[in-house]
Amino acid sequence: MSDKRFLQRGFNKQLAHLVEECGEVLAAAGKLQRWGAQSVNPLLPREQQETNIHWLKRELADLSEAIARLNATIKKDRL
């Protein structure tokens, strides 16, 4: 998730952020499919490891927030 202090306003910037979050969800989903839900990245230090299913859930939450922000902008700007 991007730091909220640095999120840019406006439809185009929020759309770009939504696309980025979609890519992160796809990466997490692809890794989960290849290696399984309980697999972790063995190259990361132990304290930074998370299971693929937790990574996917985290990315889905980020995507939901990006969708909500874009929807709010669409509604506010009546696009």
Protein backbone atom coordinates (compact mmCIF):
# COMPACT_ATOMS: atom_id res chain seq x y z
CA MET A 1 0.00 0.00 0.00
CA SER A 2 1.21 3.43 -0.84
CA ASP A 3 1.71 5.86 2.00
CA LYS A 4 -1.48 7.91 2.11
CA ARG A 5 0.53 11.10 2.54
CA PHE A 6 1.86 10.67 -1.00
CA LEU A 7 -1.29 9.61 -2.86
CA GLN A 8 -1.99 12.03 -5.67
CA ARG A 9 -5.40 13.47 -6.35
CA GLY A 10 -7.25 13.50 -9.61
CA PHE A 11 -8.83 10.90 -11.82
CA ASN A 12 -5.76 10.09 -13.95
CA LYS A 13 -3.43 9.68 -10.95
CA GLN A 14 -5.95 7.55 -9.08
CA LEU A 15 -6.59 5.44 -12.17
CA ALA A 16 -2.85 4.84 -12.51
CA HIS A 17 -2.69 3.80 -8.85
CA LEU A 18 -5.62 1.42 -9.40
CA VAL A 19 -3.81 -0.19 -12.33
CA GLU A 20 -0.67 -0.59 -10.19
CA GLU A 21 -2.68 -2.25 -7.42
CA CYS A 22 -4.30 -4.60 -9.98
CA GLY A 23 -0.82 -5.68 -11.06
CA GLU A 24 0.16 -6.41 -7.47
CA VAL A 25 -2.97 -8.53 -6.97
CA LEU A 26 -2.16 -10.46 -10.15
CA ALA A 27 1.43 -11.04 -9.01
CA ALA A 28 0.25 -12.36 -5.65
CA ALA A 29 -2.42 -14.55 -7.25
CA GLY A 30 0.05 -15.97 -9.76
CA LYS A 31 2.57 -16.83 -7.05
CA LEU A 32 -0.14 -18.46 -4.98
CA GLN A 33 -1.19 -20.58 -7.96
CA ARG A 34 2.40 -21.64 -8.70
CA TRP A 35 3.60 -22.33 -5.17
CA GLY A 36 0.49 -22.77 -3.02
CA ALA A 37 -1.26 -20.75 -0.36
CA GLN A 38 1.08 -21.57 2.52
CA SER A 39 4.37 -21.09 0.66
CA VAL A 40 6.65 -18.13 1.53
CA ASN A 41 9.53 -16.43 -0.24
CA PRO A 42 12.59 -18.22 1.17
CA LEU A 43 14.91 -15.42 0.02
CA LEU A 44 13.40 -12.95 2.49
CA PRO A 45 14.55 -12.77 6.10
CA ARG A 46 12.29 -14.84 8.35
CA GLU A 47 10.72 -11.77 9.99
CA GLN A 48 9.67 -10.42 6.56
CA GLN A 49 8.16 -13.64 5.23
CA GLU A 50 4.42 -13.98 4.78
CA THR A 51 2.39 -16.77 3.25
CA ASN A 52 1.13 -16.32 -0.28
CA ILE A 53 -2.48 -16.28 0.92
CA HIS A 54 -1.70 -13.44 3.36
CA TRP A 55 0.09 -11.54 0.61
CA LEU A 56 -2.96 -11.93 -1.66
CA LYS A 57 -5.33 -10.76 1.11
CA ARG A 58 -3.14 -7.72 1.78
CA GLU A 59 -3.04 -6.81 -1.90
CA LEU A 60 -6.81 -7.29 -2.25
CA ALA A 61 -7.34 -4.85 0.63
CA ASP A 62 -5.05 -2.33 -1.10
CA LEU A 63 -7.00 -2.80 -4.34
CA SER A 64 -10.32 -2.26 -2.55
CA GLU A 65 -9.04 1.04 -1.16
CA ALA A 66 -7.84 2.15 -4.59
CA ILE A 67 -11.25 1.29 -6.09
CA ALA A 68 -13.05 3.24 -3.35
CA ARG A 69 -10.84 6.31 -3.88
CA LEU A 70 -11.39 6.23 -7.65
CA ASN A 71 -15.15 5.76 -7.21
CA ALA A 72 -15.27 8.74 -4.84
CA THR A 73 -13.45 10.90 -7.38
CA ILE A 74 -15.79 9.80 -10.16
CA LYS A 75 -18.82 10.62 -8.02
CA LYS A 76 -17.40 13.95 -6.80
CA ASP A 77 -16.33 15.08 -10.26
CA ARG A 78 -19.44 13.57 -11.91
CA LEU A 79 -17.38 11.82 -14.55
